[in-house]
Amino acid sequence: MFFQHIYDKTLAQASYLVGCQKTGESIVIDAKRDVDTYLEIAKQNNLRITHITETHIHADFLTGSRELAKLTGARLYLSDEGGEGWLYEFPHVGLKDGSMIKVGNLTLKVLHTPGHTPESISFLLTDHPASEEPVMLFTGDFVFVGDVGRPDLLEKAAGIIGTKEAGAKEMYKSIEKFNALPDHIQVWPGHGAGSACGKALGAVPSSTVGYEKVRNWAFQYTGNENGFVKYLLEDQPEPPKYFAMMKKLNKVERPLLTEVPKLKKLSAEEFKQALDKGIKLIDTRNKADFSAGFIPGSINIQGNNSFATWAGWFLNYEEPFMLLVPDNQLEDVTRKLMRIGLDNVYGYVDNVNVWTEQGKGLETSEVISLDEFKRLYTTNNIQLVDVRGEAEYKAGHIKGAENIFVGTLGDNLDKLSKDKQVVIHCQGGDRTAIAYSFLAKHGFKNVKNYSAGMNEWVNQGNPVVTEELILQ
């Protein structure tokens, strides 16, 4: 048997290529959209991609299953579980609980494991030349290392009201099915630490059924469904805004993108005209370079591993946008965008010179030190805004801070004062870089950025407030 775990650390997303070396057949599970990765792996190992499958209709990335099928001629094997509203709307081989997929001398048995979503399935793999006992379980967003998939995304991200409690109860039943499996089976999940599909995902790529029974919190609630449901639903991270669009695009027919697109480099005149039309500019430079001088109106989303997630919060799928990105980082940023279907890129420029050489000035961010922050804080006349997530805020925040999550700033601009001095902070500065640029774009001139944030505040021994007490 050939096996390869492919991990996209930018979305904390795992996919798999598994093959029978005797027959040369292989299957890809939960493909990312830039599918050249799988084609190259198959070529290097003398395999043909003959089968393609998914564990569920994904919310956090745009799958490349159909792109891969178009390029290889492989058949799509997809869940037909979940009932009305949860069926894929394009041709495929339908899978139900107990269905078998045969890939050479390998078989994958389908287990219906709803909870995260109604149609979710897992694949129990048997390598028949080695043993008639199953050896691997591909769980998608069902069981992670140390966690289980959240059931509230349909309600929070897709707006399907009244589904989270029902999903949590389905997850409880699916956990009982998992609990009946032999301890030796390897568990290969769809995500790792950093994914918004759970709240406590482990950093290692795989586990075993036995290990999860002992260490995963979900298996400590045997016989306590109410306790399980309560714990599963509380303190889940904010689901990125783009998740709702992924749910749609992964289910319906859509245009296919079978190669990484080549973006147009804009001339100074083209760039100016685009700005005049109101086309958004996303500056992907690091926060320090952006702070030192940025094109007015641009939004700073650093081109790091979190780029796609934050781009999905601040861009929509109907409007074109531009990038400021160095040429040597262009392909990387383009791949990150295509993985969540943000294809409507008008063009790019590679530095701020395209602006300054027209005789136009740059703006700078007002980043303040701890001493300056303390001076402002003690005047008791500032509005302090913590732009971290709600769970982070509840776990410990600076007394008097208001919590407005950075991803929802656009819906909460009326909550920020235009008269008082506003000071924003997060954990370590990345999110306030986004927030500062977004507020500046919307005309706020009274904002200062305490960029070092909670990391410095706590490390210097300053007090934080939880919902119950002050920690010294």
Protein backbone atom coordinates (compact mmCIF):
# COMPACT_ATOMS: atom_id res chain seq x y z
CA MET A 1 0.00 0.00 0.00
CA PHE A 2 1.12 3.53 -0.78
CA PHE A 3 0.08 6.25 1.66
CA GLN A 4 0.80 9.97 1.79
CA HIS A 5 -0.56 12.62 4.12
CA ILE A 6 -0.70 16.04 2.43
CA TYR A 7 -1.04 18.96 4.82
CA ASP A 8 -1.87 22.55 4.00
CA LYS A 9 -0.67 24.43 7.07
CA THR A 10 -2.32 27.66 5.86
CA LEU A 11 -5.78 26.18 6.51
CA ALA A 12 -4.63 23.39 8.85
CA GLN A 13 -6.22 21.02 6.32
CA ALA A 14 -5.24 17.42 5.64
CA SER A 15 -5.81 15.38 2.50
CA TYR A 16 -4.63 11.92 1.57
CA LEU A 17 -3.43 9.92 -1.40
CA VAL A 18 -3.68 6.17 -0.90
CA GLY A 19 -2.77 3.64 -3.56
CA CYS A 20 -2.42 0.00 -4.44
CA GLN A 21 1.10 -0.40 -5.78
CA LYS A 22 0.29 -3.72 -7.46
CA THR A 23 -2.47 -2.36 -9.71
CA GLY A 24 -1.33 1.28 -9.81
CA GLU A 25 -4.75 2.57 -8.75
CA SER A 26 -5.10 5.30 -6.12
CA ILE A 27 -7.67 7.40 -4.32
CA VAL A 28 -7.48 11.01 -3.14
CA ILE A 29 -9.45 11.97 -0.04
CA ASP A 30 -10.50 15.62 0.57
CA ALA A 31 -8.39 17.22 -2.15
CA LYS A 32 -7.38 20.87 -1.89
CA ARG A 33 -8.04 22.98 -4.97
CA ASP A 34 -4.47 23.37 -6.24
CA VAL A 35 -4.40 19.76 -7.36
CA ASP A 36 -0.98 19.74 -9.04
CA THR A 37 0.31 18.39 -5.71
CA TYR A 38 -1.58 15.11 -6.15
CA LEU A 39 -0.71 14.76 -9.82
CA GLU A 40 2.99 15.07 -8.99
CA ILE A 41 2.83 12.57 -6.10
CA ALA A 42 1.02 10.04 -8.27
CA LYS A 43 3.50 10.50 -11.12
CA GLN A 44 6.52 10.08 -8.86
CA ASN A 45 5.11 6.83 -7.47
CA ASN A 46 3.83 5.28 -10.71
CA LEU A 47 0.21 5.57 -9.64
CA ARG A 48 -2.93 6.58 -11.50
CA ILE A 49 -5.55 8.63 -9.68
CA THR A 50 -8.65 6.53 -10.33
CA HIS A 51 -10.91 7.39 -7.38
CA ILE A 52 -11.69 10.69 -5.63
CA THR A 53 -13.76 11.11 -2.49
CA GLU A 54 -14.66 13.54 0.29
CA THR A 55 -15.69 13.07 3.90
CA HIS A 56 -18.37 15.79 3.73
CA ILE A 57 -19.37 19.08 2.10
CA HIS A 58 -16.56 21.23 3.43
CA ALA A 59 -17.01 24.73 4.86
CA ASP A 60 -13.45 25.90 5.31
CA PHE A 61 -11.93 25.33 1.86
CA LEU A 62 -12.96 24.87 -1.75
CA THR A 63 -12.24 21.28 -2.65
CA GLY A 64 -10.34 20.31 -5.78
CA SER A 65 -12.22 17.04 -6.30
CA ARG A 66 -13.90 18.14 -9.52
CA GLU A 67 -10.74 19.77 -10.88
CA LEU A 68 -8.87 16.54 -10.19
CA ALA A 69 -11.61 14.44 -11.79
CA LYS A 70 -11.52 16.60 -14.93
CA LEU A 71 -7.75 16.27 -15.24
CA THR A 72 -7.54 12.52 -14.52
CA GLY A 73 -10.88 11.05 -15.53
CA ALA A 74 -11.23 9.54 -12.05
CA ARG A 75 -14.69 8.85 -10.65
CA LEU A 76 -16.14 10.89 -7.79
CA TYR A 77 -17.45 8.91 -4.81
CA LEU A 78 -19.48 11.18 -2.52
CA SER A 79 -21.91 10.94 0.37
CA ASP A 80 -25.59 10.46 -0.34
CA GLU A 81 -26.40 10.61 3.37
CA GLY A 82 -27.95 13.54 5.22
CA GLY A 83 -31.26 13.85 3.40
CA GLU A 84 -32.74 16.77 1.49
CA GLY A 85 -30.48 19.81 1.31
CA TRP A 86 -27.33 17.79 2.01
CA LEU A 87 -26.82 16.08 -1.33
CA TYR A 88 -24.16 16.99 -3.87
CA GLU A 89 -25.79 18.54 -6.94
CA PHE A 90 -23.46 17.19 -9.63
CA PRO A 91 -22.80 13.70 -11.02
CA HIS A 92 -21.10 11.25 -8.66
CA VAL A 93 -21.23 7.72 -7.32
CA GLY A 94 -23.39 7.92 -4.20
CA LEU A 95 -22.17 6.50 -0.90
CA LYS A 96 -24.25 5.28 2.03
CA ASP A 97 -23.38 3.76 5.40
CA GLY A 98 -21.79 0.39 4.61
CA SER A 99 -20.84 1.20 1.00
CA MET A 100 -17.48 -0.13 -0.17
CA ILE A 101 -14.93 1.55 -2.44
CA LYS A 102 -12.45 -0.86 -4.02
CA VAL A 103 -9.07 0.58 -5.03
CA GLY A 104 -6.96 -2.27 -6.35
CA ASN A 105 -6.35 -4.57 -3.38
CA LEU A 106 -7.58 -1.95 -0.90
CA THR A 107 -11.11 -1.37 0.30
CA LEU A 108 -12.61 1.63 2.05
CA LYS A 109 -15.80 0.97 4.00
CA VAL A 110 -18.11 3.95 4.49
CA LEU A 111 -19.30 4.80 8.00
CA HIS A 112 -22.01 7.46 8.28
CA THR A 113 -20.74 9.69 11.11
CA PRO A 114 -23.03 12.74 11.28
CA GLY A 115 -22.72 15.54 13.81
CA HIS A 116 -20.36 18.04 12.28
CA THR A 117 -22.72 17.95 9.29
CA PRO A 118 -25.63 15.60 8.48
CA GLU A 119 -23.92 14.00 5.47
CA SER A 120 -20.49 13.42 7.05
CA ILE A 121 -18.90 10.04 6.43
CA SER A 122 -15.66 8.34 7.47
CA PHE A 123 -13.64 5.71 5.61
CA LEU A 124 -12.38 2.50 7.23
CA LEU A 125 -9.44 1.23 5.19
CA THR A 126 -8.36 -2.40 4.85
CA ASP A 127 -5.10 -3.33 3.10
CA HIS A 128 -6.04 -6.88 2.11
CA PRO A 129 -2.60 -8.24 1.13
CA ALA A 130 -1.38 -7.34 4.63
CA SER A 131 -4.43 -8.21 6.74
CA GLU A 132 -8.18 -8.65 6.65
CA GLU A 133 -8.44 -6.35 9.66
CA PRO A 134 -9.01 -2.61 9.00
CA VAL A 135 -5.96 -0.50 9.77
CA MET A 136 -6.90 3.16 9.14
CA LEU A 137 -9.88 5.44 9.64
CA PHE A 138 -10.15 8.70 7.68
CA THR A 139 -12.43 10.80 9.85
CA GLY A 140 -12.64 14.16 8.07
CA ASP A 141 -14.17 16.60 10.58
CA PHE A 142 -15.67 13.87 12.78
CA VAL A 143 -12.85 12.95 15.20
CA PHE A 144 -9.68 15.02 15.41
CA VAL A 145 -6.63 14.44 17.57
CA GLY A 146 -7.97 15.50 20.98
CA ASP A 147 -11.27 16.95 19.74
CA VAL A 148 -14.36 16.37 17.62
CA GLY A 149 -15.95 18.45 14.88
CA ARG A 150 -18.10 21.38 15.87
CA PRO A 151 -21.82 21.09 15.03
CA ASP A 152 -22.58 24.81 15.13
CA LEU A 153 -21.08 25.89 11.81
CA LEU A 154 -24.32 25.36 9.92
CA GLU A 155 -26.04 27.81 12.23
CA LYS A 156 -23.26 30.35 12.78
CA ALA A 157 -21.73 30.41 9.31
CA ALA A 158 -24.44 29.20 6.97
CA GLY A 159 -27.41 30.71 8.82
CA ILE A 160 -29.33 27.43 9.14
CA ILE A 161 -31.05 28.17 12.43
CA GLY A 162 -31.80 25.47 14.99
CA THR A 163 -29.23 22.93 13.81
CA LYS A 164 -26.45 23.07 16.40
CA GLU A 165 -28.16 21.17 19.24
CA ALA A 166 -29.42 18.51 16.84
CA GLY A 167 -25.94 18.22 15.36
CA ALA A 168 -24.37 17.87 18.81
CA LYS A 169 -26.74 15.01 19.64
CA GLU A 170 -25.91 13.32 16.32
CA MET A 171 -22.22 13.71 17.16
CA TYR A 172 -22.82 11.97 20.49
CA LYS A 173 -24.31 8.97 18.65
CA SER A 174 -21.44 8.93 16.15
CA ILE A 175 -18.94 8.94 19.00
CA GLU A 176 -20.58 5.76 20.30
CA LYS A 177 -19.97 4.17 16.86
CA PHE A 178 -16.31 5.22 16.99
CA ASN A 179 -16.03 3.84 20.52
CA ALA A 180 -16.89 0.36 19.25
CA LEU A 181 -13.89 0.23 16.88
CA PRO A 182 -10.68 -1.69 17.74
CA ASP A 183 -8.05 0.36 19.56
CA HIS A 184 -5.27 -0.36 17.05
CA ILE A 185 -6.86 1.48 14.13
CA GLN A 186 -4.98 4.60 13.05
CA VAL A 187 -7.01 7.82 12.95
CA TRP A 188 -6.26 10.29 10.16
CA PRO A 189 -8.39 13.45 10.53
CA GLY A 190 -9.19 16.27 8.13
CA HIS A 191 -7.65 19.05 10.22
CA GLY A 192 -4.96 19.88 12.75
CA ALA A 193 -4.28 22.62 15.26
CA GLY A 194 -5.31 26.06 14.03
CA SER A 195 -8.45 25.00 12.20
CA ALA A 196 -11.72 26.77 13.02
CA CYS A 197 -13.55 23.43 12.66
CA GLY A 198 -12.96 22.68 16.36
CA LYS A 199 -11.70 24.36 19.50
CA ALA A 200 -8.94 22.10 20.87
CA LEU A 201 -7.34 20.27 17.96
CA GLY A 202 -4.01 18.57 18.61
CA ALA A 203 -0.85 19.46 16.74
CA VAL A 204 0.22 15.92 15.77
CA PRO A 205 -1.13 14.68 12.41
CA SER A 206 -2.64 11.35 13.47
CA SER A 207 -3.73 9.22 16.39
CA THR A 208 -5.30 5.85 17.15
CA VAL A 209 -8.78 4.88 18.22
CA GLY A 210 -7.39 3.70 21.55
CA TYR A 211 -5.51 6.92 22.21
CA GLU A 212 -8.58 9.03 21.50
CA LYS A 213 -10.71 6.91 23.82
CA VAL A 214 -8.27 7.74 26.63
CA ARG A 215 -7.26 11.34 25.88
CA ASN A 216 -9.99 12.98 23.78
CA TRP A 217 -12.40 14.97 25.97
CA ALA A 218 -15.40 13.72 23.96
CA PHE A 219 -14.97 10.16 25.19
CA GLN A 220 -15.08 11.21 28.84
CA TYR A 221 -18.82 11.92 28.55
CA THR A 222 -19.99 8.34 28.09
CA GLY A 223 -23.53 8.13 29.45
CA ASN A 224 -23.77 11.92 29.79
CA GLU A 225 -25.28 13.23 26.57
CA ASN A 226 -26.36 16.56 28.07
CA GLY A 227 -22.88 17.25 29.43
CA PHE A 228 -21.34 16.33 26.08
CA VAL A 229 -23.69 18.65 24.16
CA LYS A 230 -23.06 21.55 26.54
CA TYR A 231 -19.28 21.26 26.41
CA LEU A 232 -19.19 20.75 22.64
CA LEU A 233 -21.20 23.90 21.94
CA GLU A 234 -19.51 26.31 24.34
CA ASP A 235 -16.55 28.56 23.48
CA GLN A 236 -16.23 27.55 19.84
CA PRO A 237 -14.16 30.04 17.79
CA GLU A 238 -15.86 32.48 15.44
CA PRO A 239 -16.41 30.76 12.06
CA PRO A 240 -14.90 32.83 9.22
CA LYS A 241 -17.42 34.67 7.10
CA TYR A 242 -16.45 32.82 3.92
CA PHE A 243 -17.54 29.44 5.31
CA ALA A 244 -21.12 29.94 4.08
CA MET A 245 -19.88 30.41 0.51
CA MET A 246 -17.72 27.27 0.72
CA LYS A 247 -20.75 25.22 1.77
CA LYS A 248 -22.55 26.42 -1.34
CA LEU A 249 -19.71 26.12 -3.85
CA ASN A 250 -18.72 22.64 -2.67
CA LYS A 251 -22.26 21.35 -3.24
CA VAL A 252 -23.30 22.88 -6.57
CA GLU A 253 -21.94 23.05 -10.11
CA ARG A 254 -19.29 25.77 -10.46
CA PRO A 255 -16.54 26.88 -12.85
CA LEU A 256 -13.41 24.75 -12.53
CA LEU A 257 -9.87 26.07 -12.13
CA THR A 258 -7.44 23.36 -13.15
CA GLU A 259 -4.20 25.30 -12.73
CA VAL A 260 -2.81 28.06 -10.57
CA PRO A 261 -3.83 31.32 -12.29
CA LYS A 262 -1.31 33.88 -13.49
CA LEU A 263 -2.25 37.30 -12.09
CA LYS A 264 -1.95 40.49 -14.13
CA LYS A 265 0.71 42.96 -12.99
CA LEU A 266 -0.86 46.41 -13.14
CA SER A 267 0.79 49.51 -14.55
CA ALA A 268 0.76 52.68 -12.49
CA GLU A 269 -2.09 54.06 -14.58
CA GLU A 270 -4.14 50.84 -14.37
CA PHE A 271 -3.59 50.78 -10.62
CA LYS A 272 -4.69 54.38 -10.20
CA GLN A 273 -7.81 53.84 -12.29
CA ALA A 274 -8.71 50.75 -10.26
CA LEU A 275 -8.38 52.66 -6.99
CA ASP A 276 -10.51 55.46 -8.42
CA LYS A 277 -13.21 52.87 -9.19
CA GLY A 278 -13.15 51.79 -5.55
CA ILE A 279 -11.54 48.39 -6.08
CA LYS A 280 -10.16 47.15 -2.75
CA LEU A 281 -6.42 46.84 -2.23
CA ILE A 282 -5.09 44.10 0.05
CA ASP A 283 -1.51 44.75 1.18
CA THR A 284 0.14 41.42 2.01
CA ARG A 285 3.38 42.81 3.48
CA ASN A 286 4.31 42.14 7.09
CA LYS A 287 2.72 44.41 9.66
CA ALA A 288 5.92 46.36 10.44
CA ASP A 289 6.52 47.29 6.81
CA PHE A 290 2.86 48.21 6.37
CA SER A 291 2.87 50.33 9.51
CA ALA A 292 5.91 52.28 8.29
CA GLY A 293 4.13 53.39 5.13
CA PHE A 294 1.00 52.21 3.35
CA ILE A 295 -1.17 53.31 0.44
CA PRO A 296 -4.25 55.09 1.83
CA GLY A 297 -7.31 52.86 1.90
CA SER A 298 -5.41 49.57 1.71
CA ILE A 299 -6.12 46.73 4.14
CA ASN A 300 -3.18 44.90 5.67
CA ILE A 301 -3.65 41.11 5.60
CA GLN A 302 -0.20 39.61 5.96
CA GLY A 303 0.66 36.86 3.50
CA ASN A 304 1.39 34.35 6.25
CA ASN A 305 -0.37 31.09 7.14
CA SER A 306 -3.49 32.97 8.24
CA PHE A 307 -3.81 34.96 5.03
CA ALA A 308 -6.64 32.98 3.44
CA THR A 309 -8.72 32.93 6.61
CA TRP A 310 -8.58 36.70 7.07
CA ALA A 311 -9.03 37.36 3.36
CA GLY A 312 -12.22 35.33 3.65
CA TRP A 313 -13.43 37.65 6.40
CA PHE A 314 -12.80 40.90 4.53
CA LEU A 315 -13.38 40.08 0.87
CA ASN A 316 -16.55 38.94 -0.84
CA TYR A 317 -17.02 36.73 -3.86
CA GLU A 318 -18.75 39.26 -6.11
CA GLU A 319 -16.34 42.21 -6.03
CA PRO A 320 -12.89 42.31 -7.65
CA PHE A 321 -9.87 43.20 -5.53
CA MET A 322 -6.18 43.96 -5.99
CA LEU A 323 -3.09 42.74 -4.20
CA LEU A 324 0.10 44.41 -3.14
CA VAL A 325 2.47 41.46 -3.01
CA PRO A 326 6.19 41.04 -3.81
CA ASP A 327 6.79 39.03 -6.99
CA ASN A 328 8.60 36.27 -5.09
CA GLN A 329 5.51 35.68 -2.92
CA LEU A 330 2.92 35.96 -5.68
CA GLU A 331 2.37 32.26 -6.40
CA ASP A 332 2.12 31.40 -2.72
CA VAL A 333 -0.51 34.10 -2.10
CA THR A 334 -2.40 33.11 -5.28
CA ARG A 335 -2.59 29.49 -4.11
CA LYS A 336 -3.90 30.58 -0.73
CA LEU A 337 -6.65 32.59 -2.38
CA MET A 338 -7.70 29.86 -4.82
CA ARG A 339 -8.01 27.37 -1.95
CA ILE A 340 -11.03 29.33 -0.70
CA GLY A 341 -12.31 30.31 -4.14
CA LEU A 342 -11.30 33.99 -4.08
CA ASP A 343 -10.60 34.08 -7.80
CA ASN A 344 -11.79 37.59 -8.62
CA VAL A 345 -8.35 39.20 -8.53
CA TYR A 346 -8.24 42.33 -10.69
CA GLY A 347 -4.44 42.39 -10.66
CA TYR A 348 -1.45 43.14 -8.46
CA VAL A 349 1.41 45.54 -7.80
CA ASP A 350 4.65 44.49 -6.17
CA ASN A 351 5.45 47.50 -3.95
CA VAL A 352 4.28 50.94 -2.86
CA ASN A 353 6.47 52.70 -5.44
CA VAL A 354 3.61 52.50 -7.93
CA TRP A 355 1.92 55.03 -5.63
CA THR A 356 4.80 57.21 -4.45
CA GLU A 357 6.28 57.62 -7.94
CA GLN A 358 3.08 59.43 -8.86
CA GLY A 359 3.95 62.00 -6.21
CA LYS A 360 1.44 60.65 -3.72
CA GLY A 361 2.11 60.19 -0.03
CA LEU A 362 1.90 57.15 2.22
CA GLU A 363 0.12 56.93 5.55
CA THR A 364 1.63 55.42 8.69
CA SER A 365 0.09 53.50 11.57
CA GLU A 366 0.10 54.88 15.10
CA VAL A 367 1.66 52.00 16.97
CA ILE A 368 2.20 52.71 20.66
CA SER A 369 4.44 51.21 23.34
CA LEU A 370 3.34 49.74 26.66
CA ASP A 371 4.32 52.93 28.49
CA GLU A 372 2.30 55.08 26.10
CA PHE A 373 -0.63 52.69 26.38
CA LYS A 374 -0.52 52.84 30.18
CA ARG A 375 -0.43 56.63 30.08
CA LEU A 376 -3.50 56.75 27.87
CA TYR A 377 -5.24 53.97 29.81
CA THR A 378 -4.91 55.75 33.15
CA THR A 379 -6.53 58.90 31.83
CA ASN A 380 -9.83 56.93 31.84
CA ASN A 381 -10.89 58.79 28.73
CA ILE A 382 -10.14 56.26 26.02
CA GLN A 383 -12.19 53.58 24.36
CA LEU A 384 -10.20 50.36 24.66
CA VAL A 385 -11.19 47.72 22.11
CA ASP A 386 -10.01 44.11 22.29
CA VAL A 387 -10.33 42.62 18.79
CA ARG A 388 -9.62 39.00 19.78
CA GLY A 389 -12.23 36.25 19.74
CA GLU A 390 -14.92 36.02 22.40
CA ALA A 391 -13.44 32.93 24.08
CA GLU A 392 -10.02 34.61 24.35
CA TYR A 393 -11.63 37.73 25.78
CA LYS A 394 -13.56 35.74 28.39
CA ALA A 395 -10.43 33.86 29.42
CA GLY A 396 -8.68 37.11 30.35
CA HIS A 397 -8.80 40.73 29.21
CA ILE A 398 -7.71 44.20 30.29
CA LYS A 399 -10.23 45.79 32.64
CA GLY A 400 -12.59 48.11 30.81
CA ALA A 401 -11.88 46.71 27.35
CA GLU A 402 -14.79 46.17 24.98
CA ASN A 403 -14.72 43.06 22.81
CA ILE A 404 -15.32 43.59 19.08
CA PHE A 405 -13.88 40.67 17.12
CA VAL A 406 -11.77 41.90 14.20
CA GLY A 407 -13.71 39.84 11.69
CA THR A 408 -16.95 41.61 12.60
CA LEU A 409 -15.64 45.18 12.65
CA GLY A 410 -17.52 46.01 9.46
CA ASP A 411 -20.81 45.26 11.20
CA ASN A 412 -19.89 47.18 14.34
CA LEU A 413 -18.38 50.47 13.18
CA ASP A 414 -21.14 52.33 15.03
CA LYS A 415 -19.78 50.98 18.31
CA LEU A 416 -16.48 52.81 17.91
CA SER A 417 -16.21 56.40 19.09
CA LYS A 418 -15.17 59.09 16.65
CA ASP A 419 -14.66 61.55 19.50
CA LYS A 420 -12.66 59.68 22.13
CA GLN A 421 -9.19 58.29 21.63
CA VAL A 422 -9.64 54.66 20.53
CA VAL A 423 -6.93 52.12 21.38
CA ILE A 424 -7.08 48.65 19.86
CA HIS A 425 -5.17 45.50 20.80
CA CYS A 426 -5.20 41.75 20.25
CA GLN A 427 -2.81 39.01 21.39
CA GLY A 428 0.36 39.86 19.50
CA GLY A 429 -0.42 42.44 16.82
CA ASP A 430 -1.43 40.57 13.67
CA ARG A 431 -5.15 41.12 14.11
CA THR A 432 -4.77 44.75 15.14
CA ALA A 433 -2.76 45.35 11.96
CA ILE A 434 -5.84 44.28 10.03
CA ALA A 435 -8.17 46.23 12.33
CA TYR A 436 -6.14 49.45 12.19
CA SER A 437 -5.98 49.44 8.40
CA PHE A 438 -9.69 48.62 8.12
CA LEU A 439 -10.66 51.45 10.47
CA ALA A 440 -8.34 53.88 8.69
CA LYS A 441 -10.01 52.93 5.39
CA HIS A 442 -13.36 53.80 6.96
CA GLY A 443 -12.27 57.25 8.06
CA PHE A 444 -11.24 56.72 11.68
CA LYS A 445 -8.42 59.15 12.51
CA ASN A 446 -8.51 58.65 16.28
CA VAL A 447 -7.13 55.10 16.56
CA LYS A 448 -3.89 53.95 18.13
CA ASN A 449 -2.59 50.39 17.94
CA TYR A 450 -1.15 48.78 21.07
CA SER A 451 0.39 46.13 18.86
CA ALA A 452 2.26 44.13 21.50
CA GLY A 453 -1.12 43.40 23.05
CA MET A 454 -1.95 40.78 25.64
CA ASN A 455 1.34 38.96 25.21
CA GLU A 456 3.33 41.94 26.51
CA TRP A 457 0.63 43.04 28.98
CA VAL A 458 0.57 39.67 30.74
CA ASN A 459 4.32 39.04 30.51
CA GLN A 460 4.95 42.35 32.27
CA GLY A 461 2.77 41.23 35.19
CA ASN A 462 -0.24 43.45 34.56
CA PRO A 463 -3.69 42.34 35.78
CA VAL A 464 -6.32 40.72 33.59
CA VAL A 465 -10.01 40.28 34.20
CA THR A 466 -12.01 37.12 33.58
CA GLU A 467 -15.76 36.82 33.84
CA GLU A 468 -15.38 35.88 37.49
CA LEU A 469 -12.26 37.43 38.98
CA ILE A 470 -9.18 39.58 38.54
CA LEU A 471 -5.95 37.59 38.13
CA GLN A 472 -2.84 39.26 39.50
